[in-house]
Structures are given as C-alpha cells and as structure tokens.
PDB file of N, CA and C in Angstrom:
ATOM      1  N   MET A   1       0.844  -1.189   0.000  1.00  0.00           N
ATOM      2  CA  MET A   1       0.000   0.000   0.000  1.00  0.00           C
ATOM      3  C   MET A   1       0.878   1.236   0.000  1.00  0.00           C
ATOM      4  N   SER A   2       0.358   2.289  -0.545  1.00  0.00           N
ATOM      5  CA  SER A   2       1.107   3.541  -0.583  1.00  0.00           C
ATOM      6  C   SER A   2       0.895   4.329   0.696  1.00  0.00           C
ATOM      7  N   GLY A   3       1.874   5.120   1.056  1.00  0.00           N
ATOM      8  CA  GLY A   3       1.800   5.940   2.261  1.00  0.00           C
ATOM      9  C   GLY A   3       1.103   7.255   2.000  1.00  0.00           C
ATOM     10  N   PRO A   4       0.942   8.074   3.045  1.00  0.00           N
ATOM     11  CA  PRO A   4       0.268   9.367   2.898  1.00  0.00           C
ATOM     12  C   PRO A   4       0.964  10.296   1.916  1.00  0.00           C
ATOM     13  N   GLU A   5       2.275  10.100   1.722  1.00  0.00           N
ATOM     14  CA  GLU A   5       2.989  10.958   0.805  1.00  0.00           C
ATOM     15  C   GLU A   5       2.551  10.727  -0.644  1.00  0.00           C
ATOM     16  N   GLN A   6       1.865   9.614  -0.908  1.00  0.00           N
ATOM     17  CA  GLN A   6       1.361   9.306  -2.239  1.00  0.00           C
ATOM     18  C   GLN A   6       0.054  10.034  -2.537  1.00  0.00           C
ATOM     19  N   ASN A   7      -0.506  10.758  -1.582  1.00  0.00           N
ATOM     20  CA  ASN A   7      -1.793  11.446  -1.728  1.00  0.00           C
ATOM     21  C   ASN A   7      -1.607  12.698  -2.578  1.00  0.00           C
ATOM     22  N   THR A   8      -1.736  12.566  -3.883  1.00  0.00           N
ATOM     23  CA  THR A   8      -1.512  13.672  -4.802  1.00  0.00           C
ATOM     24  C   THR A   8      -2.791  14.451  -5.029  1.00  0.00           C
ATOM     25  N   THR A   9      -2.683  15.564  -5.757  1.00  0.00           N
ATOM     26  CA  THR A   9      -3.858  16.375  -6.054  1.00  0.00           C
ATOM     27  C   THR A   9      -4.860  15.622  -6.906  1.00  0.00           C
ATOM     28  N   GLN A  10      -4.431  14.587  -7.634  1.00  0.00           N
ATOM     29  CA  GLN A  10      -5.358  13.813  -8.439  1.00  0.00           C
ATOM     30  C   GLN A  10      -6.256  12.929  -7.574  1.00  0.00           C
ATOM     31  N   THR A  11      -5.792  12.518  -6.402  1.00  0.00           N
ATOM     32  CA  THR A  11      -6.569  11.616  -5.566  1.00  0.00           C
ATOM     33  C   THR A  11      -7.238  12.314  -4.389  1.00  0.00           C
ATOM     34  N   ARG A  12      -6.880  13.539  -4.124  1.00  0.00           N
ATOM     35  CA  ARG A  12      -7.478  14.258  -3.002  1.00  0.00           C
ATOM     36  C   ARG A  12      -8.834  14.828  -3.380  1.00  0.00           C
ATOM     37  N   THR A  13      -9.670  14.993  -2.390  1.00  0.00           N
ATOM     38  CA  THR A  13     -10.967  15.633  -2.559  1.00  0.00           C
ATOM     39  C   THR A  13     -10.756  17.085  -2.968  1.00  0.00           C
ATOM     40  N   THR A  14     -11.592  17.569  -3.885  1.00  0.00           N
ATOM     41  CA  THR A  14     -11.498  18.950  -4.357  1.00  0.00           C
ATOM     42  C   THR A  14     -12.527  19.811  -3.647  1.00  0.00           C
ATOM     43  N   ILE A  15     -12.079  20.962  -3.158  1.00  0.00           N
ATOM     44  CA  ILE A  15     -12.955  21.965  -2.550  1.00  0.00           C
ATOM     45  C   ILE A  15     -12.809  23.249  -3.357  1.00  0.00           C
ATOM     46  N   LEU A  16     -13.934  23.851  -3.704  1.00  0.00           N
ATOM     47  CA  LEU A  16     -13.948  25.135  -4.403  1.00  0.00           C
ATOM     48  C   LEU A  16     -14.262  26.228  -3.391  1.00  0.00           C
ATOM     49  N   VAL A  17     -13.433  27.256  -3.358  1.00  0.00           N
ATOM     50  CA  VAL A  17     -13.648  28.401  -2.474  1.00  0.00           C
ATOM     51  C   VAL A  17     -13.921  29.611  -3.358  1.00  0.00           C
ATOM     52  N   ALA A  18     -15.062  30.258  -3.139  1.00  0.00           N
ATOM     53  CA  ALA A  18     -15.437  31.428  -3.939  1.00  0.00           C
ATOM     54  C   ALA A  18     -15.641  32.633  -3.038  1.00  0.00           C
ATOM     55  N   ASP A  19     -14.829  33.650  -3.268  1.00  0.00           N
ATOM     56  CA  ASP A  19     -14.892  34.875  -2.480  1.00  0.00           C
ATOM     57  C   ASP A  19     -14.176  35.968  -3.258  1.00  0.00           C
ATOM     58  N   ASP A  20     -14.606  37.211  -3.089  1.00  0.00           N
ATOM     59  CA  ASP A  20     -13.966  38.317  -3.795  1.00  0.00           C
ATOM     60  C   ASP A  20     -12.804  38.928  -3.002  1.00  0.00           C
ATOM     61  N   ALA A  21     -12.561  38.469  -1.785  1.00  0.00           N
ATOM     62  CA  ALA A  21     -11.486  39.003  -0.946  1.00  0.00           C
ATOM     63  C   ALA A  21     -10.237  38.129  -1.075  1.00  0.00           C
ATOM     64  N   PRO A  22      -9.192  38.634  -1.740  1.00  0.00           N
ATOM     65  CA  PRO A  22      -7.974  37.826  -1.943  1.00  0.00           C
ATOM     66  C   PRO A  22      -7.359  37.322  -0.641  1.00  0.00           C
ATOM     67  N   GLU A  23      -7.412  38.121   0.419  1.00  0.00           N
ATOM     68  CA  GLU A  23      -6.814  37.697   1.685  1.00  0.00           C
ATOM     69  C   GLU A  23      -7.565  36.502   2.281  1.00  0.00           C
ATOM     70  N   TYR A  24      -8.866  36.460   2.106  1.00  0.00           N
ATOM     71  CA  TYR A  24      -9.662  35.335   2.589  1.00  0.00           C
ATOM     72  C   TYR A  24      -9.359  34.084   1.755  1.00  0.00           C
ATOM     73  N   LEU A  25      -9.259  34.248   0.450  1.00  0.00           N
ATOM     74  CA  LEU A  25      -8.928  33.128  -0.427  1.00  0.00           C
ATOM     75  C   LEU A  25      -7.559  32.558  -0.076  1.00  0.00           C
ATOM     76  N   MET A  26      -6.595  33.439   0.177  1.00  0.00           N
ATOM     77  CA  MET A  26      -5.251  33.000   0.531  1.00  0.00           C
ATOM     78  C   MET A  26      -5.254  32.237   1.857  1.00  0.00           C
ATOM     79  N   LEU A  27      -5.964  32.771   2.844  1.00  0.00           N
ATOM     80  CA  LEU A  27      -6.033  32.130   4.158  1.00  0.00           C
ATOM     81  C   LEU A  27      -6.662  30.749   4.058  1.00  0.00           C
ATOM     82  N   LEU A  28      -7.822  30.649   3.424  1.00  0.00           N
ATOM     83  CA  LEU A  28      -8.477  29.350   3.295  1.00  0.00           C
ATOM     84  C   LEU A  28      -7.637  28.382   2.466  1.00  0.00           C
ATOM     85  N   GLY A  29      -7.005  28.898   1.426  1.00  0.00           N
ATOM     86  CA  GLY A  29      -6.130  28.058   0.623  1.00  0.00           C
ATOM     87  C   GLY A  29      -5.003  27.463   1.444  1.00  0.00           C
ATOM     88  N   GLU A  30      -4.393  28.270   2.304  1.00  0.00           N
ATOM     89  CA  GLU A  30      -3.307  27.797   3.159  1.00  0.00           C
ATOM     90  C   GLU A  30      -3.792  26.744   4.154  1.00  0.00           C
ATOM     91  N   ILE A  31      -4.983  26.950   4.696  1.00  0.00           N
ATOM     92  CA  ILE A  31      -5.525  26.013   5.680  1.00  0.00           C
ATOM     93  C   ILE A  31      -5.928  24.688   5.025  1.00  0.00           C
ATOM     94  N   LEU A  32      -6.561  24.767   3.869  1.00  0.00           N
ATOM     95  CA  LEU A  32      -7.127  23.574   3.242  1.00  0.00           C
ATOM     96  C   LEU A  32      -6.159  22.805   2.339  1.00  0.00           C
ATOM     97  N   SER A  33      -5.211  23.496   1.704  1.00  0.00           N
ATOM     98  CA  SER A  33      -4.381  22.851   0.684  1.00  0.00           C
ATOM     99  C   SER A  33      -3.530  21.674   1.165  1.00  0.00           C
ATOM    100  N   PRO A  34      -3.116  21.600   2.431  1.00  0.00           N
ATOM    101  CA  PRO A  34      -2.384  20.390   2.835  1.00  0.00           C
ATOM    102  C   PRO A  34      -3.248  19.118   2.796  1.00  0.00           C
ATOM    103  N   HIS A  35      -4.563  19.291   2.794  1.00  0.00           N
ATOM    104  CA  HIS A  35      -5.457  18.145   2.886  1.00  0.00           C
ATOM    105  C   HIS A  35      -6.363  17.956   1.674  1.00  0.00           C
ATOM    106  N   TYR A  36      -6.565  19.014   0.912  1.00  0.00           N
ATOM    107  CA  TYR A  36      -7.515  18.986  -0.202  1.00  0.00           C
ATOM    108  C   TYR A  36      -6.918  19.651  -1.435  1.00  0.00           C
ATOM    109  N   ASN A  37      -7.452  19.302  -2.573  1.00  0.00           N
ATOM    110  CA  ASN A  37      -7.163  20.016  -3.810  1.00  0.00           C
ATOM    111  C   ASN A  37      -8.081  21.239  -3.791  1.00  0.00           C
ATOM    112  N   VAL A  38      -7.532  22.436  -3.683  1.00  0.00           N
ATOM    113  CA  VAL A  38      -8.325  23.652  -3.535  1.00  0.00           C
ATOM    114  C   VAL A  38      -8.356  24.407  -4.858  1.00  0.00           C
ATOM    115  N   ARG A  39      -9.571  24.740  -5.287  1.00  0.00           N
ATOM    116  CA  ARG A  39      -9.762  25.568  -6.477  1.00  0.00           C
ATOM    117  C   ARG A  39     -10.322  26.901  -5.989  1.00  0.00           C
ATOM    118  N   ILE A  40      -9.877  27.982  -6.610  1.00  0.00           N
ATOM    119  CA  ILE A  40     -10.207  29.332  -6.163  1.00  0.00           C
ATOM    120  C   ILE A  40     -11.003  30.065  -7.238  1.00  0.00           C
ATOM    121  N   ALA A  41     -12.084  30.735  -6.801  1.00  0.00           N
ATOM    122  CA  ALA A  41     -12.865  31.591  -7.696  1.00  0.00           C
ATOM    123  C   ALA A  41     -13.029  32.944  -7.025  1.00  0.00           C
ATOM    124  N   GLY A  42     -12.777  34.008  -7.778  1.00  0.00           N
ATOM    125  CA  GLY A  42     -12.884  35.365  -7.244  1.00  0.00           C
ATOM    126  C   GLY A  42     -14.254  35.983  -7.432  1.00  0.00           C
ATOM    127  N   ASN A  43     -15.164  35.265  -8.093  1.00  0.00           N
ATOM    128  CA  ASN A  43     -16.523  35.785  -8.284  1.00  0.00           C
ATOM    129  C   ASN A  43     -17.473  34.626  -8.598  1.00  0.00           C
ATOM    130  N   GLY A  44     -18.762  34.942  -8.638  1.00  0.00           N
ATOM    131  CA  GLY A  44     -19.773  33.911  -8.852  1.00  0.00           C
ATOM    132  C   GLY A  44     -19.685  33.227 -10.197  1.00  0.00           C
ATOM    133  N   ALA A  45     -19.437  33.996 -11.255  1.00  0.00           N
ATOM    134  CA  ALA A  45     -19.357  33.407 -12.593  1.00  0.00           C
ATOM    135  C   ALA A  45     -18.202  32.412 -12.682  1.00  0.00           C
ATOM    136  N   SER A  46     -17.061  32.751 -12.103  1.00  0.00           N
ATOM    137  CA  SER A  46     -15.916  31.833 -12.092  1.00  0.00           C
ATOM    138  C   SER A  46     -16.222  30.592 -11.272  1.00  0.00           C
ATOM    139  N   ALA A  47     -16.939  30.770 -10.174  1.00  0.00           N
ATOM    140  CA  ALA A  47     -17.309  29.624  -9.333  1.00  0.00           C
ATOM    141  C   ALA A  47     -18.171  28.636 -10.112  1.00  0.00           C
ATOM    142  N   ILE A  48     -19.131  29.138 -10.864  1.00  0.00           N
ATOM    143  CA  ILE A  48     -20.002  28.266 -11.661  1.00  0.00           C
ATOM    144  C   ILE A  48     -19.186  27.524 -12.709  1.00  0.00           C
ATOM    145  N   GLU A  49     -18.282  28.229 -13.375  1.00  0.00           N
ATOM    146  CA  GLU A  49     -17.456  27.611 -14.404  1.00  0.00           C
ATOM    147  C   GLU A  49     -16.557  26.532 -13.811  1.00  0.00           C
ATOM    148  N   LEU A  50     -15.876  26.848 -12.709  1.00  0.00           N
ATOM    149  CA  LEU A  50     -14.981  25.876 -12.085  1.00  0.00           C
ATOM    150  C   LEU A  50     -15.737  24.670 -11.536  1.00  0.00           C
ATOM    151  N   ALA A  51     -16.925  24.902 -11.005  1.00  0.00           N
ATOM    152  CA  ALA A  51     -17.725  23.799 -10.462  1.00  0.00           C
ATOM    153  C   ALA A  51     -18.208  22.865 -11.564  1.00  0.00           C
ATOM    154  N   SER A  52     -18.332  23.387 -12.770  1.00  0.00           N
ATOM    155  CA  SER A  52     -18.833  22.605 -13.896  1.00  0.00           C
ATOM    156  C   SER A  52     -17.752  21.757 -14.556  1.00  0.00           C
ATOM    157  N   ASN A  53     -16.492  22.077 -14.300  1.00  0.00           N
ATOM    158  CA  ASN A  53     -15.373  21.405 -14.967  1.00  0.00           C
ATOM    159  C   ASN A  53     -14.664  20.431 -14.037  1.00  0.00           C
ATOM    160  N   ALA A  54     -14.086  19.402 -14.635  1.00  0.00           N
ATOM    161  CA  ALA A  54     -13.329  18.406 -13.872  1.00  0.00           C
ATOM    162  C   ALA A  54     -12.008  19.002 -13.397  1.00  0.00           C
ATOM    163  N   PRO A  55     -11.569  18.649 -12.228  1.00  0.00           N
ATOM    164  CA  PRO A  55     -12.286  17.800 -11.283  1.00  0.00           C
ATOM    165  C   PRO A  55     -13.363  18.608 -10.563  1.00  0.00           C
ATOM    166  N   GLN A  56     -14.560  18.073 -10.557  1.00  0.00           N
ATOM    167  CA  GLN A  56     -15.645  18.790  -9.886  1.00  0.00           C
ATOM    168  C   GLN A  56     -15.417  18.769  -8.380  1.00  0.00           C
ATOM    169  N   PRO A  57     -15.758  19.862  -7.713  1.00  0.00           N
ATOM    170  CA  PRO A  57     -15.562  19.894  -6.266  1.00  0.00           C
ATOM    171  C   PRO A  57     -16.557  18.998  -5.537  1.00  0.00           C
ATOM    172  N   SER A  58     -16.121  18.496  -4.406  1.00  0.00           N
ATOM    173  CA  SER A  58     -16.999  17.738  -3.514  1.00  0.00           C
ATOM    174  C   SER A  58     -17.725  18.664  -2.563  1.00  0.00           C
ATOM    175  N   LEU A  59     -17.227  19.910  -2.469  1.00  0.00           N
ATOM    176  CA  LEU A  59     -17.801  20.915  -1.579  1.00  0.00           C
ATOM    177  C   LEU A  59     -17.461  22.292  -2.128  1.00  0.00           C
ATOM    178  N   ILE A  60     -18.405  23.231  -1.971  1.00  0.00           N
ATOM    179  CA  ILE A  60     -18.160  24.625  -2.343  1.00  0.00           C
ATOM    180  C   ILE A  60     -18.341  25.486  -1.104  1.00  0.00           C
ATOM    181  N   LEU A  61     -17.323  26.281  -0.781  1.00  0.00           N
ATOM    182  CA  LEU A  61     -17.409  27.294   0.270  1.00  0.00           C
ATOM    183  C   LEU A  61     -17.637  28.611  -0.457  1.00  0.00           C
ATOM    184  N   LEU A  62     -18.769  29.253  -0.178  1.00  0.00           N
ATOM    185  CA  LEU A  62     -19.226  30.379  -0.990  1.00  0.00           C
ATOM    186  C   LEU A  62     -19.527  31.600  -0.139  1.00  0.00           C
ATOM    187  N   ASP A  63     -18.955  32.723  -0.511  1.00  0.00           N
ATOM    188  CA  ASP A  63     -19.259  33.990   0.150  1.00  0.00           C
ATOM    189  C   ASP A  63     -20.616  34.484  -0.333  1.00  0.00           C
ATOM    190  N   VAL A  64     -21.360  35.155   0.525  1.00  0.00           N
ATOM    191  CA  VAL A  64     -22.664  35.703   0.144  1.00  0.00           C
ATOM    192  C   VAL A  64     -22.490  37.019  -0.598  1.00  0.00           C
ATOM    193  N   GLU A  65     -21.651  37.886  -0.059  1.00  0.00           N
ATOM    194  CA  GLU A  65     -21.531  39.242  -0.589  1.00  0.00           C
ATOM    195  C   GLU A  65     -20.343  39.354  -1.541  1.00  0.00           C
ATOM    196  N   MET A  66     -20.646  39.250  -2.822  1.00  0.00           N
ATOM    197  CA  MET A  66     -19.634  39.434  -3.866  1.00  0.00           C
ATOM    198  C   MET A  66     -20.212  40.409  -4.879  1.00  0.00           C
ATOM    199  N   PRO A  67     -19.372  41.225  -5.506  1.00  0.00           N
ATOM    200  CA  PRO A  67     -19.877  42.164  -6.515  1.00  0.00           C
ATOM    201  C   PRO A  67     -20.361  41.404  -7.756  1.00  0.00           C
ATOM    202  N   GLY A  68     -21.273  42.021  -8.460  1.00  0.00           N
ATOM    203  CA  GLY A  68     -21.838  41.364  -9.643  1.00  0.00           C
ATOM    204  C   GLY A  68     -22.835  40.314  -9.210  1.00  0.00           C
ATOM    205  N   MET A  69     -22.483  39.065  -9.398  1.00  0.00           N
ATOM    206  CA  MET A  69     -23.343  37.954  -9.000  1.00  0.00           C
ATOM    207  C   MET A  69     -23.034  37.583  -7.552  1.00  0.00           C
ATOM    208  N   ASP A  70     -23.988  37.822  -6.650  1.00  0.00           N
ATOM    209  CA  ASP A  70     -23.747  37.491  -5.251  1.00  0.00           C
ATOM    210  C   ASP A  70     -23.835  35.978  -5.027  1.00  0.00           C
ATOM    211  N   GLY A  71     -23.552  35.564  -3.808  1.00  0.00           N
ATOM    212  CA  GLY A  71     -23.551  34.141  -3.489  1.00  0.00           C
ATOM    213  C   GLY A  71     -24.899  33.478  -3.660  1.00  0.00           C
ATOM    214  N   HIS A  72     -25.979  34.189  -3.322  1.00  0.00           N
ATOM    215  CA  HIS A  72     -27.317  33.604  -3.479  1.00  0.00           C
ATOM    216  C   HIS A  72     -27.622  33.313  -4.949  1.00  0.00           C
ATOM    217  N   GLU A  73     -27.302  34.252  -5.824  1.00  0.00           N
ATOM    218  CA  GLU A  73     -27.547  34.044  -7.252  1.00  0.00           C
ATOM    219  C   GLU A  73     -26.628  32.948  -7.792  1.00  0.00           C
ATOM    220  N   THR A  74     -25.404  32.903  -7.302  1.00  0.00           N
ATOM    221  CA  THR A  74     -24.475  31.848  -7.714  1.00  0.00           C
ATOM    222  C   THR A  74     -25.039  30.486  -7.342  1.00  0.00           C
ATOM    223  N   LEU A  75     -25.522  30.348  -6.120  1.00  0.00           N
ATOM    224  CA  LEU A  75     -26.093  29.075  -5.685  1.00  0.00           C
ATOM    225  C   LEU A  75     -27.337  28.727  -6.505  1.00  0.00           C
ATOM    226  N   ARG A  76     -28.176  29.705  -6.766  1.00  0.00           N
ATOM    227  CA  ARG A  76     -29.377  29.449  -7.567  1.00  0.00           C
ATOM    228  C   ARG A  76     -28.991  28.883  -8.928  1.00  0.00           C
ATOM    229  N   ARG A  77     -27.979  29.463  -9.548  1.00  0.00           N
ATOM    230  CA  ARG A  77     -27.535  28.989 -10.871  1.00  0.00           C
ATOM    231  C   ARG A  77     -26.864  27.620 -10.794  1.00  0.00           C
ATOM    232  N   LEU A  78     -26.131  27.373  -9.732  1.00  0.00           N
ATOM    233  CA  LEU A  78     -25.539  26.048  -9.553  1.00  0.00           C
ATOM    234  C   LEU A  78     -26.621  24.979  -9.444  1.00  0.00           C
ATOM    235  N   ARG A  79     -27.702  25.309  -8.757  1.00  0.00           N
ATOM    236  CA  ARG A  79     -28.804  24.355  -8.571  1.00  0.00           C
ATOM    237  C   ARG A  79     -29.598  24.123  -9.854  1.00  0.00           C
ATOM    238  N   GLU A  80     -29.515  25.039 -10.804  1.00  0.00           N
ATOM    239  CA  GLU A  80     -30.225  24.894 -12.080  1.00  0.00           C
ATOM    240  C   GLU A  80     -29.525  23.924 -13.030  1.00  0.00           C
ATOM    241  N   GLN A  81     -28.221  23.716 -12.841  1.00  0.00           N
ATOM    242  CA  GLN A  81     -27.444  22.878 -13.758  1.00  0.00           C
ATOM    243  C   GLN A  81     -27.373  21.442 -13.241  1.00  0.00           C
ATOM    244  N   ALA A  82     -27.649  20.495 -14.119  1.00  0.00           N
ATOM    245  CA  ALA A  82     -27.608  19.086 -13.731  1.00  0.00           C
ATOM    246  C   ALA A  82     -26.232  18.678 -13.208  1.00  0.00           C
ATOM    247  N   THR A  83     -25.169  19.234 -13.782  1.00  0.00           N
ATOM    248  CA  THR A  83     -23.814  18.829 -13.394  1.00  0.00           C
ATOM    249  C   THR A  83     -23.369  19.384 -12.045  1.00  0.00           C
ATOM    250  N   THR A  84     -24.039  20.435 -11.557  1.00  0.00           N
ATOM    251  CA  THR A  84     -23.603  21.058 -10.301  1.00  0.00           C
ATOM    252  C   THR A  84     -24.670  21.057  -9.210  1.00  0.00           C
ATOM    253  N   ARG A  85     -25.868  20.627  -9.516  1.00  0.00           N
ATOM    254  CA  ARG A  85     -26.976  20.783  -8.554  1.00  0.00           C
ATOM    255  C   ARG A  85     -26.800  20.003  -7.261  1.00  0.00           C
ATOM    256  N   ASP A  86     -26.023  18.928  -7.280  1.00  0.00           N
ATOM    257  CA  ASP A  86     -25.883  18.099  -6.085  1.00  0.00           C
ATOM    258  C   ASP A  86     -24.622  18.373  -5.279  1.00  0.00           C
ATOM    259  N   ILE A  87     -23.824  19.355  -5.700  1.00  0.00           N
ATOM    260  CA  ILE A  87     -22.610  19.687  -4.947  1.00  0.00           C
ATOM    261  C   ILE A  87     -23.017  20.453  -3.683  1.00  0.00           C
ATOM    262  N   PRO A  88     -22.620  19.964  -2.504  1.00  0.00           N
ATOM    263  CA  PRO A  88     -22.949  20.692  -1.272  1.00  0.00           C
ATOM    264  C   PRO A  88     -22.284  22.068  -1.252  1.00  0.00           C
ATOM    265  N   VAL A  89     -23.042  23.066  -0.801  1.00  0.00           N
ATOM    266  CA  VAL A  89     -22.544  24.438  -0.698  1.00  0.00           C
ATOM    267  C   VAL A  89     -22.714  24.910   0.742  1.00  0.00           C
ATOM    268  N   ILE A  90     -21.659  25.471   1.288  1.00  0.00           N
ATOM    269  CA  ILE A  90     -21.700  26.100   2.609  1.00  0.00           C
ATOM    270  C   ILE A  90     -21.391  27.570   2.414  1.00  0.00           C
ATOM    271  N   PHE A  91     -22.299  28.421   2.862  1.00  0.00           N
ATOM    272  CA  PHE A  91     -22.020  29.851   2.842  1.00  0.00           C
ATOM    273  C   PHE A  91     -21.094  30.177   3.998  1.00  0.00           C
ATOM    274  N   VAL A  92     -20.026  30.891   3.711  1.00  0.00           N
ATOM    275  CA  VAL A  92     -19.079  31.363   4.718  1.00  0.00           C
ATOM    276  C   VAL A  92     -19.014  32.871   4.548  1.00  0.00           C
ATOM    277  N   THR A  93     -19.523  33.599   5.557  1.00  0.00           N
ATOM    278  CA  THR A  93     -19.683  35.036   5.389  1.00  0.00           C
ATOM    279  C   THR A  93     -19.585  35.765   6.720  1.00  0.00           C
ATOM    280  N   ALA A  94     -19.272  37.033   6.654  1.00  0.00           N
ATOM    281  CA  ALA A  94     -19.272  37.890   7.843  1.00  0.00           C
ATOM    282  C   ALA A  94     -20.680  38.388   8.137  1.00  0.00           C
ATOM    283  N   ASN A  95     -21.595  38.203   7.208  1.00  0.00           N
ATOM    284  CA  ASN A  95     -22.976  38.661   7.358  1.00  0.00           C
ATOM    285  C   ASN A  95     -23.730  37.711   8.281  1.00  0.00           C
ATOM    286  N   ASN A  96     -24.258  38.234   9.393  1.00  0.00           N
ATOM    287  CA  ASN A  96     -25.002  37.382  10.317  1.00  0.00           C
ATOM    288  C   ASN A  96     -26.495  37.715  10.334  1.00  0.00           C
ATOM    289  N   ASP A  97     -27.010  38.205   9.236  1.00  0.00           N
ATOM    290  CA  ASP A  97     -28.428  38.522   9.082  1.00  0.00           C
ATOM    291  C   ASP A  97     -29.222  37.215   8.987  1.00  0.00           C
ATOM    292  N   THR A  98     -30.183  37.006   9.892  1.00  0.00           N
ATOM    293  CA  THR A  98     -30.943  35.756   9.901  1.00  0.00           C
ATOM    294  C   THR A  98     -31.808  35.590   8.655  1.00  0.00           C
ATOM    295  N   ASN A  99     -32.298  36.689   8.080  1.00  0.00           N
ATOM    296  CA  ASN A  99     -33.064  36.583   6.835  1.00  0.00           C
ATOM    297  C   ASN A  99     -32.175  36.122   5.688  1.00  0.00           C
ATOM    298  N   ASP A 100     -30.951  36.624   5.665  1.00  0.00           N
ATOM    299  CA  ASP A 100     -29.980  36.222   4.655  1.00  0.00           C
ATOM    300  C   ASP A 100     -29.659  34.736   4.804  1.00  0.00           C
ATOM    301  N   GLU A 101     -29.474  34.298   6.030  1.00  0.00           N
ATOM    302  CA  GLU A 101     -29.192  32.894   6.301  1.00  0.00           C
ATOM    303  C   GLU A 101     -30.357  32.018   5.855  1.00  0.00           C
ATOM    304  N   ARG A 102     -31.568  32.394   6.238  1.00  0.00           N
ATOM    305  CA  ARG A 102     -32.760  31.626   5.857  1.00  0.00           C
ATOM    306  C   ARG A 102     -32.866  31.525   4.343  1.00  0.00           C
ATOM    307  N   HIS A 103     -32.636  32.642   3.647  1.00  0.00           N
ATOM    308  CA  HIS A 103     -32.711  32.652   2.195  1.00  0.00           C
ATOM    309  C   HIS A 103     -31.681  31.692   1.589  1.00  0.00           C
ATOM    310  N   GLY A 104     -30.464  31.709   2.096  1.00  0.00           N
ATOM    311  CA  GLY A 104     -29.421  30.816   1.601  1.00  0.00           C
ATOM    312  C   GLY A 104     -29.772  29.355   1.805  1.00  0.00           C
ATOM    313  N   LEU A 105     -30.317  29.028   2.956  1.00  0.00           N
ATOM    314  CA  LEU A 105     -30.711  27.648   3.232  1.00  0.00           C
ATOM    315  C   LEU A 105     -31.899  27.231   2.359  1.00  0.00           C
ATOM    316  N   GLU A 106     -32.832  28.154   2.122  1.00  0.00           N
ATOM    317  CA  GLU A 106     -33.958  27.858   1.238  1.00  0.00           C
ATOM    318  C   GLU A 106     -33.498  27.588  -0.195  1.00  0.00           C
ATOM    319  N   LEU A 107     -32.419  28.239  -0.607  1.00  0.00           N
ATOM    320  CA  LEU A 107     -31.871  28.027  -1.952  1.00  0.00           C
ATOM    321  C   LEU A 107     -31.144  26.685  -2.076  1.00  0.00           C
ATOM    322  N   GLY A 108     -30.842  26.079  -0.947  1.00  0.00           N
ATOM    323  CA  GLY A 108     -30.209  24.751  -0.995  1.00  0.00           C
ATOM    324  C   GLY A 108     -28.842  24.651  -0.367  1.00  0.00           C
ATOM    325  N   ALA A 109     -28.372  25.686   0.312  1.00  0.00           N
ATOM    326  CA  ALA A 109     -27.101  25.578   1.025  1.00  0.00           C
ATOM    327  C   ALA A 109     -27.255  24.556   2.150  1.00  0.00           C
ATOM    328  N   VAL A 110     -26.189  23.817   2.434  1.00  0.00           N
ATOM    329  CA  VAL A 110     -26.249  22.834   3.506  1.00  0.00           C
ATOM    330  C   VAL A 110     -25.918  23.450   4.869  1.00  0.00           C
ATOM    331  N   ASP A 111     -25.280  24.617   4.841  1.00  0.00           N
ATOM    332  CA  ASP A 111     -24.965  25.303   6.095  1.00  0.00           C
ATOM    333  C   ASP A 111     -24.632  26.757   5.782  1.00  0.00           C
ATOM    334  N   TYR A 112     -24.608  27.558   6.837  1.00  0.00           N
ATOM    335  CA  TYR A 112     -24.355  28.994   6.724  1.00  0.00           C
ATOM    336  C   TYR A 112     -23.499  29.365   7.920  1.00  0.00           C
ATOM    337  N   ILE A 113     -22.222  29.634   7.680  1.00  0.00           N
ATOM    338  CA  ILE A 113     -21.281  29.911   8.760  1.00  0.00           C
ATOM    339  C   ILE A 113     -20.919  31.386   8.748  1.00  0.00           C
ATOM    340  N   THR A 114     -21.108  32.039   9.911  1.00  0.00           N
ATOM    341  CA  THR A 114     -20.746  33.455  10.018  1.00  0.00           C
ATOM    342  C   THR A 114     -19.484  33.595  10.828  1.00  0.00           C
TER     343      THR A 114
END
C-alpha cells in the first residue's frame, strides 16, 4: 500500500472556495491545501465555471456578498445545472443577518457559517 505521501492532487478531494477578498482566499487556501485540492474563484461566474469542470468539487465554500453575482444568485444557478446541482454548498460570510441565512438555506445551502 502507498503511504500518505502518495496522496496527490489527483486523488485528493477537491474543494472550491469562492470569495472576492484575496486575503480570505489566501487564508483558506493555506488552511485547506495540505489536505484537499483547492480551487479558487474570485466571483460567482468563475465559481459556476470551475464547479462545472473536472475535477468537480466535492464541496463549495461560498461567500454571500460578492460584486456582480452574489452568493445567493451563484447558488441558484448552480442548482439549475444538472452537473452542479448536487454539490454541497456552505455559505461562509461575515454577514449574520438571519433573513440572509434563511434565504441561503432555502436556496439549498447545507450550512451557513458566520
């Protein structure tokens, strides 16, 4: 059997992180990359494109407040596509508005972390 050092990016689980804040993307990338293949999107449109292409993510961490297409609209569009509708999405945001959280969960997010 191969050891842990054989765990390459081809065999690791892929996580997509979508946020417009480069410092947040860098931080999450540093935390997650030793364990996961991390893909980065700086906006909603890029997140949809990356989620649609191989390797598809097993999880999407999505910011709510992004310019242009916000996280809610991004999730709505992900749920419309057969290839991305079943990917779990967790909203990770500084926004702690309960209406915003409820809306995200109604759209199909599996969790909402503030």
